[in-house]
Amino acid sequence: MSHVNMQAEGAILRVSLDTLVAEHGKWRVVTAAVKAMVRGSNRVQTVHPQDLSNVIRADIGLPLIVDPPSMPTVMMVYARP
């Protein structure tokens, strides 16, 4: 990352932080930042196996999810030759 990009990001961060402090006050911003740091270190995301794609399921050895066969409709039964 170039020095110019870092300066631009730093300027954007300063403006954003100044805006937050102006709207909410410095103690509320500091308190929210500390809470976010504490909360972020303890948070664990739970992933359920049914939420995984078949590609990932195959990679980790889980059985693939297949769509159940469709039930014939009344129209399909009467339309048979």
PDB file of N, CA and C in Angstrom:
ATOM      1  N   MET A   1       0.867  -1.173   0.000  1.00  0.00           N
ATOM      2  CA  MET A   1       0.000   0.000   0.000  1.00  0.00           C
ATOM      3  C   MET A   1       0.907   1.227   0.000  1.00  0.00           C
ATOM      4  N   SER A   2       0.592   2.168  -0.859  1.00  0.00           N
ATOM      5  CA  SER A   2       1.457   3.336  -0.975  1.00  0.00           C
ATOM      6  C   SER A   2       1.203   4.321   0.164  1.00  0.00           C
ATOM      7  N   HIS A   3       2.150   5.179   0.331  1.00  0.00           N
ATOM      8  CA  HIS A   3       2.085   6.172   1.402  1.00  0.00           C
ATOM      9  C   HIS A   3       0.917   7.132   1.194  1.00  0.00           C
ATOM     10  N   VAL A   4       0.622   7.453  -0.074  1.00  0.00           N
ATOM     11  CA  VAL A   4      -0.475   8.379  -0.388  1.00  0.00           C
ATOM     12  C   VAL A   4      -1.814   7.764  -0.004  1.00  0.00           C
ATOM     13  N   ASN A   5      -2.004   6.470  -0.309  1.00  0.00           N
ATOM     14  CA  ASN A   5      -3.250   5.807   0.052  1.00  0.00           C
ATOM     15  C   ASN A   5      -3.441   5.755   1.556  1.00  0.00           C
ATOM     16  N   MET A   6      -2.353   5.517   2.289  1.00  0.00           N
ATOM     17  CA  MET A   6      -2.444   5.471   3.742  1.00  0.00           C
ATOM     18  C   MET A   6      -2.824   6.834   4.294  1.00  0.00           C
ATOM     19  N   GLN A   7      -2.301   7.903   3.704  1.00  0.00           N
ATOM     20  CA  GLN A   7      -2.653   9.245   4.156  1.00  0.00           C
ATOM     21  C   GLN A   7      -4.119   9.534   3.873  1.00  0.00           C
ATOM     22  N   ALA A   8      -4.606   9.126   2.708  1.00  0.00           N
ATOM     23  CA  ALA A   8      -6.008   9.362   2.365  1.00  0.00           C
ATOM     24  C   ALA A   8      -6.923   8.590   3.305  1.00  0.00           C
ATOM     25  N   GLU A   9      -6.577   7.332   3.607  1.00  0.00           N
ATOM     26  CA  GLU A   9      -7.389   6.548   4.535  1.00  0.00           C
ATOM     27  C   GLU A   9      -7.363   7.153   5.931  1.00  0.00           C
ATOM     28  N   GLY A  10      -6.205   7.658   6.336  1.00  0.00           N
ATOM     29  CA  GLY A  10      -6.101   8.306   7.637  1.00  0.00           C
ATOM     30  C   GLY A  10      -6.958   9.556   7.715  1.00  0.00           C
ATOM     31  N   ALA A  11      -7.001  10.324   6.622  1.00  0.00           N
ATOM     32  CA  ALA A  11      -7.833  11.534   6.590  1.00  0.00           C
ATOM     33  C   ALA A  11      -9.308  11.173   6.661  1.00  0.00           C
ATOM     34  N   ILE A  12      -9.698  10.118   5.944  1.00  0.00           N
ATOM     35  CA  ILE A  12     -11.110   9.682   5.973  1.00  0.00           C
ATOM     36  C   ILE A  12     -11.473   9.214   7.373  1.00  0.00           C
ATOM     37  N   LEU A  13     -10.575   8.472   8.013  1.00  0.00           N
ATOM     38  CA  LEU A  13     -10.827   7.997   9.369  1.00  0.00           C
ATOM     39  C   LEU A  13     -10.968   9.156  10.341  1.00  0.00           C
ATOM     40  N   ARG A  14     -10.104  10.166  10.215  1.00  0.00           N
ATOM     41  CA  ARG A  14     -10.187  11.327  11.099  1.00  0.00           C
ATOM     42  C   ARG A  14     -11.507  12.064  10.928  1.00  0.00           C
ATOM     43  N   VAL A  15     -11.938  12.255   9.682  1.00  0.00           N
ATOM     44  CA  VAL A  15     -13.206  12.951   9.432  1.00  0.00           C
ATOM     45  C   VAL A  15     -14.368  12.147  10.005  1.00  0.00           C
ATOM     46  N   SER A  16     -14.344  10.826   9.798  1.00  0.00           N
ATOM     47  CA  SER A  16     -15.415   9.967  10.315  1.00  0.00           C
ATOM     48  C   SER A  16     -15.446  10.000  11.835  1.00  0.00           C
ATOM     49  N   LEU A  17     -14.288   9.913  12.453  1.00  0.00           N
ATOM     50  CA  LEU A  17     -14.215   9.933  13.899  1.00  0.00           C
ATOM     51  C   LEU A  17     -14.650  11.288  14.450  1.00  0.00           C
ATOM     52  N   ASP A  18     -14.235  12.362  13.802  1.00  0.00           N
ATOM     53  CA  ASP A  18     -14.666  13.702  14.231  1.00  0.00           C
ATOM     54  C   ASP A  18     -16.178  13.845  14.125  1.00  0.00           C
ATOM     55  N   THR A  19     -16.755  13.278  13.077  1.00  0.00           N
ATOM     56  CA  THR A  19     -18.214  13.337  12.903  1.00  0.00           C
ATOM     57  C   THR A  19     -18.915  12.561  14.013  1.00  0.00           C
ATOM     58  N   LEU A  20     -18.426  11.363  14.323  1.00  0.00           N
ATOM     59  CA  LEU A  20     -19.018  10.573  15.408  1.00  0.00           C
ATOM     60  C   LEU A  20     -18.936  11.296  16.746  1.00  0.00           C
ATOM     61  N   VAL A  21     -17.787  11.875  17.035  1.00  0.00           N
ATOM     62  CA  VAL A  21     -17.609  12.596  18.299  1.00  0.00           C
ATOM     63  C   VAL A  21     -18.529  13.811  18.347  1.00  0.00           C
ATOM     64  N   ALA A  22     -18.668  14.518  17.227  1.00  0.00           N
ATOM     65  CA  ALA A  22     -19.540  15.697  17.199  1.00  0.00           C
ATOM     66  C   ALA A  22     -21.001  15.314  17.419  1.00  0.00           C
ATOM     67  N   GLU A  23     -21.411  14.171  16.878  1.00  0.00           N
ATOM     68  CA  GLU A  23     -22.814  13.766  17.004  1.00  0.00           C
ATOM     69  C   GLU A  23     -23.127  13.110  18.346  1.00  0.00           C
ATOM     70  N   HIS A  24     -22.177  12.324  18.902  1.00  0.00           N
ATOM     71  CA  HIS A  24     -22.496  11.510  20.075  1.00  0.00           C
ATOM     72  C   HIS A  24     -21.675  11.843  21.313  1.00  0.00           C
ATOM     73  N   GLY A  25     -20.615  12.578  21.169  1.00  0.00           N
ATOM     74  CA  GLY A  25     -19.764  12.892  22.314  1.00  0.00           C
ATOM     75  C   GLY A  25     -18.613  11.903  22.421  1.00  0.00           C
ATOM     76  N   LYS A  26     -17.488  12.407  22.946  1.00  0.00           N
ATOM     77  CA  LYS A  26     -16.288  11.570  22.938  1.00  0.00           C
ATOM     78  C   LYS A  26     -16.392  10.374  23.872  1.00  0.00           C
ATOM     79  N   TRP A  27     -17.090  10.494  25.009  1.00  0.00           N
ATOM     80  CA  TRP A  27     -17.163   9.369  25.936  1.00  0.00           C
ATOM     81  C   TRP A  27     -18.037   8.244  25.394  1.00  0.00           C
ATOM     82  N   ARG A  28     -19.096   8.592  24.693  1.00  0.00           N
ATOM     83  CA  ARG A  28     -19.936   7.538  24.089  1.00  0.00           C
ATOM     84  C   ARG A  28     -19.178   6.826  22.980  1.00  0.00           C
ATOM     85  N   VAL A  29     -18.374   7.568  22.208  1.00  0.00           N
ATOM     86  CA  VAL A  29     -17.591   6.953  21.132  1.00  0.00           C
ATOM     87  C   VAL A  29     -16.519   6.041  21.731  1.00  0.00           C
ATOM     88  N   VAL A  30     -15.838   6.504  22.774  1.00  0.00           N
ATOM     89  CA  VAL A  30     -14.803   5.692  23.421  1.00  0.00           C
ATOM     90  C   VAL A  30     -15.427   4.440  24.040  1.00  0.00           C
ATOM     91  N   THR A  31     -16.554   4.604  24.721  1.00  0.00           N
ATOM     92  CA  THR A  31     -17.227   3.461  25.340  1.00  0.00           C
ATOM     93  C   THR A  31     -17.656   2.442  24.284  1.00  0.00           C
ATOM     94  N   ALA A  32     -18.220   2.917  23.182  1.00  0.00           N
ATOM     95  CA  ALA A  32     -18.648   2.010  22.109  1.00  0.00           C
ATOM     96  C   ALA A  32     -17.451   1.289  21.485  1.00  0.00           C
ATOM     97  N   ALA A  33     -16.333   1.985  21.335  1.00  0.00           N
ATOM     98  CA  ALA A  33     -15.135   1.359  20.767  1.00  0.00           C
ATOM     99  C   ALA A  33     -14.590   0.277  21.692  1.00  0.00           C
ATOM    100  N   VAL A  34     -14.559   0.551  22.988  1.00  0.00           N
ATOM    101  CA  VAL A  34     -14.067  -0.445  23.943  1.00  0.00           C
ATOM    102  C   VAL A  34     -14.998  -1.651  23.969  1.00  0.00           C
ATOM    103  N   LYS A  35     -16.313  -1.421  23.965  1.00  0.00           N
ATOM    104  CA  LYS A  35     -17.271  -2.530  23.942  1.00  0.00           C
ATOM    105  C   LYS A  35     -17.109  -3.358  22.672  1.00  0.00           C
ATOM    106  N   ALA A  36     -16.887  -2.711  21.555  1.00  0.00           N
ATOM    107  CA  ALA A  36     -16.701  -3.436  20.296  1.00  0.00           C
ATOM    108  C   ALA A  36     -15.433  -4.285  20.333  1.00  0.00           C
ATOM    109  N   MET A  37     -14.373  -3.777  20.945  1.00  0.00           N
ATOM    110  CA  MET A  37     -13.134  -4.548  21.040  1.00  0.00           C
ATOM    111  C   MET A  37     -13.314  -5.764  21.940  1.00  0.00           C
ATOM    112  N   VAL A  38     -14.003  -5.587  23.056  1.00  0.00           N
ATOM    113  CA  VAL A  38     -14.224  -6.697  23.984  1.00  0.00           C
ATOM    114  C   VAL A  38     -15.171  -7.713  23.364  1.00  0.00           C
ATOM    115  N   ARG A  39     -16.244  -7.242  22.775  1.00  0.00           N
ATOM    116  CA  ARG A  39     -17.237  -8.124  22.165  1.00  0.00           C
ATOM    117  C   ARG A  39     -16.646  -8.875  20.970  1.00  0.00           C
ATOM    118  N   GLY A  40     -15.798  -8.230  20.201  1.00  0.00           N
ATOM    119  CA  GLY A  40     -15.222  -8.856  19.020  1.00  0.00           C
ATOM    120  C   GLY A  40     -14.299 -10.013  19.337  1.00  0.00           C
ATOM    121  N   SER A  41     -13.626  -9.977  20.469  1.00  0.00           N
ATOM    122  CA  SER A  41     -12.687 -11.046  20.791  1.00  0.00           C
ATOM    123  C   SER A  41     -13.390 -12.311  21.269  1.00  0.00           C
ATOM    124  N   ASN A  42     -14.615 -12.199  21.744  1.00  0.00           N
ATOM    125  CA  ASN A  42     -15.333 -13.355  22.276  1.00  0.00           C
ATOM    126  C   ASN A  42     -16.359 -13.921  21.301  1.00  0.00           C
ATOM    127  N   ARG A  43     -16.587 -13.258  20.208  1.00  0.00           N
ATOM    128  CA  ARG A  43     -17.643 -13.676  19.293  1.00  0.00           C
ATOM    129  C   ARG A  43     -17.172 -14.835  18.418  1.00  0.00           C
ATOM    130  N   VAL A  44     -17.974 -15.884  18.372  1.00  0.00           N
ATOM    131  CA  VAL A  44     -17.699 -17.036  17.526  1.00  0.00           C
ATOM    132  C   VAL A  44     -18.908 -17.236  16.621  1.00  0.00           C
ATOM    133  N   GLN A  45     -18.649 -17.336  15.335  1.00  0.00           N
ATOM    134  CA  GLN A  45     -19.743 -17.525  14.392  1.00  0.00           C
ATOM    135  C   GLN A  45     -20.039 -19.012  14.259  1.00  0.00           C
ATOM    136  N   THR A  46     -21.305 -19.371  14.412  1.00  0.00           N
ATOM    137  CA  THR A  46     -21.725 -20.758  14.285  1.00  0.00           C
ATOM    138  C   THR A  46     -22.212 -20.998  12.870  1.00  0.00           C
ATOM    139  N   VAL A  47     -21.678 -22.028  12.237  1.00  0.00           N
ATOM    140  CA  VAL A  47     -22.100 -22.404  10.895  1.00  0.00           C
ATOM    141  C   VAL A  47     -22.772 -23.759  10.992  1.00  0.00           C
ATOM    142  N   HIS A  48     -23.987 -23.842  10.499  1.00  0.00           N
ATOM    143  CA  HIS A  48     -24.734 -25.089  10.522  1.00  0.00           C
ATOM    144  C   HIS A  48     -24.459 -25.874   9.240  1.00  0.00           C
ATOM    145  N   PRO A  49     -24.348 -27.197   9.342  1.00  0.00           N
ATOM    146  CA  PRO A  49     -24.033 -28.002   8.155  1.00  0.00           C
ATOM    147  C   PRO A  49     -25.038 -27.827   7.012  1.00  0.00           C
ATOM    148  N   GLN A  50     -26.302 -27.602   7.326  1.00  0.00           N
ATOM    149  CA  GLN A  50     -27.300 -27.456   6.264  1.00  0.00           C
ATOM    150  C   GLN A  50     -27.129 -26.154   5.492  1.00  0.00           C
ATOM    151  N   ASP A  51     -26.350 -25.216   6.020  1.00  0.00           N
ATOM    152  CA  ASP A  51     -26.106 -23.945   5.337  1.00  0.00           C
ATOM    153  C   ASP A  51     -24.938 -24.015   4.356  1.00  0.00           C
ATOM    154  N   LEU A  52     -24.185 -25.115   4.370  1.00  0.00           N
ATOM    155  CA  LEU A  52     -23.017 -25.242   3.503  1.00  0.00           C
ATOM    156  C   LEU A  52     -23.418 -25.682   2.097  1.00  0.00           C
ATOM    157  N   SER A  53     -22.666 -25.214   1.113  1.00  0.00           N
ATOM    158  CA  SER A  53     -22.927 -25.645  -0.260  1.00  0.00           C
ATOM    159  C   SER A  53     -22.445 -27.083  -0.439  1.00  0.00           C
ATOM    160  N   ASN A  54     -22.925 -27.735  -1.492  1.00  0.00           N
ATOM    161  CA  ASN A  54     -22.524 -29.117  -1.757  1.00  0.00           C
ATOM    162  C   ASN A  54     -21.028 -29.236  -2.022  1.00  0.00           C
ATOM    163  N   VAL A  55     -20.425 -28.213  -2.598  1.00  0.00           N
ATOM    164  CA  VAL A  55     -18.978 -28.255  -2.864  1.00  0.00           C
ATOM    165  C   VAL A  55     -18.206 -28.311  -1.543  1.00  0.00           C
ATOM    166  N   ILE A  56     -18.577 -27.468  -0.609  1.00  0.00           N
ATOM    167  CA  ILE A  56     -17.906 -27.458   0.700  1.00  0.00           C
ATOM    168  C   ILE A  56     -18.201 -28.743   1.449  1.00  0.00           C
ATOM    169  N   ARG A  57     -19.456 -29.211   1.391  1.00  0.00           N
ATOM    170  CA  ARG A  57     -19.828 -30.454   2.063  1.00  0.00           C
ATOM    171  C   ARG A  57     -18.983 -31.615   1.555  1.00  0.00           C
ATOM    172  N   ALA A  58     -18.777 -31.686   0.223  1.00  0.00           N
ATOM    173  CA  ALA A  58     -17.962 -32.766  -0.354  1.00  0.00           C
ATOM    174  C   ALA A  58     -16.508 -32.635   0.095  1.00  0.00           C
ATOM    175  N   ASP A  59     -16.008 -31.409   0.192  1.00  0.00           N
ATOM    176  CA  ASP A  59     -14.614 -31.197   0.592  1.00  0.00           C
ATOM    177  C   ASP A  59     -14.340 -31.678   2.018  1.00  0.00           C
ATOM    178  N   ILE A  60     -15.318 -31.534   2.899  1.00  0.00           N
ATOM    179  CA  ILE A  60     -15.082 -31.921   4.296  1.00  0.00           C
ATOM    180  C   ILE A  60     -15.679 -33.280   4.634  1.00  0.00           C
ATOM    181  N   GLY A  61     -16.220 -33.972   3.626  1.00  0.00           N
ATOM    182  CA  GLY A  61     -16.678 -35.342   3.835  1.00  0.00           C
ATOM    183  C   GLY A  61     -18.105 -35.505   4.293  1.00  0.00           C
ATOM    184  N   LEU A  62     -18.912 -34.468   4.208  1.00  0.00           N
ATOM    185  CA  LEU A  62     -20.326 -34.589   4.557  1.00  0.00           C
ATOM    186  C   LEU A  62     -21.105 -35.084   3.346  1.00  0.00           C
ATOM    187  N   PRO A  63     -22.233 -35.765   3.575  1.00  0.00           N
ATOM    188  CA  PRO A  63     -23.041 -36.199   2.431  1.00  0.00           C
ATOM    189  C   PRO A  63     -23.650 -34.992   1.715  1.00  0.00           C
ATOM    190  N   LEU A  64     -23.828 -35.123   0.410  1.00  0.00           N
ATOM    191  CA  LEU A  64     -24.399 -34.037  -0.382  1.00  0.00           C
ATOM    192  C   LEU A  64     -25.896 -33.912  -0.110  1.00  0.00           C
ATOM    193  N   ILE A  65     -26.396 -32.713  -0.267  1.00  0.00           N
ATOM    194  CA  ILE A  65     -27.828 -32.468  -0.131  1.00  0.00           C
ATOM    195  C   ILE A  65     -28.442 -32.623  -1.512  1.00  0.00           C
ATOM    196  N   VAL A  66     -29.395 -33.537  -1.635  1.00  0.00           N
ATOM    197  CA  VAL A  66     -30.084 -33.735  -2.910  1.00  0.00           C
ATOM    198  C   VAL A  66     -31.533 -33.332  -2.727  1.00  0.00           C
ATOM    199  N   ASP A  67     -32.105 -32.785  -3.773  1.00  0.00           N
ATOM    200  CA  ASP A  67     -33.511 -32.410  -3.720  1.00  0.00           C
ATOM    201  C   ASP A  67     -34.357 -33.672  -3.699  1.00  0.00           C
ATOM    202  N   PRO A  68     -35.414 -33.713  -2.889  1.00  0.00           N
ATOM    203  CA  PRO A  68     -36.273 -34.893  -2.873  1.00  0.00           C
ATOM    204  C   PRO A  68     -36.997 -35.021  -4.219  1.00  0.00           C
ATOM    205  N   PRO A  69     -37.333 -36.225  -4.622  1.00  0.00           N
ATOM    206  CA  PRO A  69     -38.050 -36.374  -5.891  1.00  0.00           C
ATOM    207  C   PRO A  69     -39.406 -35.692  -5.810  1.00  0.00           C
ATOM    208  N   SER A  70     -39.807 -35.104  -6.911  1.00  0.00           N
ATOM    209  CA  SER A  70     -41.081 -34.379  -6.899  1.00  0.00           C
ATOM    210  C   SER A  70     -42.236 -35.373  -6.938  1.00  0.00           C
ATOM    211  N   MET A  71     -43.275 -35.036  -6.263  1.00  0.00           N
ATOM    212  CA  MET A  71     -44.478 -35.879  -6.240  1.00  0.00           C
ATOM    213  C   MET A  71     -45.278 -35.610  -7.502  1.00  0.00           C
ATOM    214  N   PRO A  72     -45.827 -36.645  -8.105  1.00  0.00           N
ATOM    215  CA  PRO A  72     -46.645 -36.409  -9.299  1.00  0.00           C
ATOM    216  C   PRO A  72     -47.912 -35.649  -8.930  1.00  0.00           C
ATOM    217  N   THR A  73     -48.279 -34.743  -9.783  1.00  0.00           N
ATOM    218  CA  THR A  73     -49.502 -33.978  -9.548  1.00  0.00           C
ATOM    219  C   THR A  73     -50.681 -34.735 -10.145  1.00  0.00           C
ATOM    220  N   VAL A  74     -51.874 -34.313  -9.824  1.00  0.00           N
ATOM    221  CA  VAL A  74     -53.090 -34.946 -10.340  1.00  0.00           C
ATOM    222  C   VAL A  74     -53.102 -34.852 -11.858  1.00  0.00           C
ATOM    223  N   MET A  75     -52.686 -33.734 -12.393  1.00  0.00           N
ATOM    224  CA  MET A  75     -52.699 -33.567 -13.844  1.00  0.00           C
ATOM    225  C   MET A  75     -51.729 -34.535 -14.509  1.00  0.00           C
ATOM    226  N   MET A  76     -50.600 -34.812 -13.875  1.00  0.00           N
ATOM    227  CA  MET A  76     -49.641 -35.736 -14.466  1.00  0.00           C
ATOM    228  C   MET A  76     -50.190 -37.152 -14.482  1.00  0.00           C
ATOM    229  N   VAL A  77     -50.958 -37.530 -13.458  1.00  0.00           N
ATOM    230  CA  VAL A  77     -51.539 -38.881 -13.392  1.00  0.00           C
ATOM    231  C   VAL A  77     -52.551 -39.079 -14.508  1.00  0.00           C
ATOM    232  N   TYR A  78     -53.414 -38.086 -14.771  1.00  0.00           N
ATOM    233  CA  TYR A  78     -54.445 -38.219 -15.791  1.00  0.00           C
ATOM    234  C   TYR A  78     -53.887 -38.002 -17.199  1.00  0.00           C
ATOM    235  N   ALA A  79     -52.726 -37.383 -17.315  1.00  0.00           N
ATOM    236  CA  ALA A  79     -52.169 -37.096 -18.630  1.00  0.00           C
ATOM    237  C   ALA A  79     -51.332 -38.244 -19.176  1.00  0.00           C
ATOM    238  N   ARG A  80     -51.178 -39.315 -18.429  1.00  0.00           N
ATOM    239  CA  ARG A  80     -50.373 -40.444 -18.901  1.00  0.00           C
ATOM    240  C   ARG A  80     -51.044 -41.116 -20.103  1.00  0.00           C
ATOM    241  N   PRO A  81     -50.243 -41.550 -21.075  1.00  0.00           N
ATOM    242  CA  PRO A  81     -50.857 -42.227 -22.253  1.00  0.00           C
ATOM    243  C   PRO A  81     -51.294 -43.628 -21.936  1.00  0.00           C
TER     244      PRO A  81
END
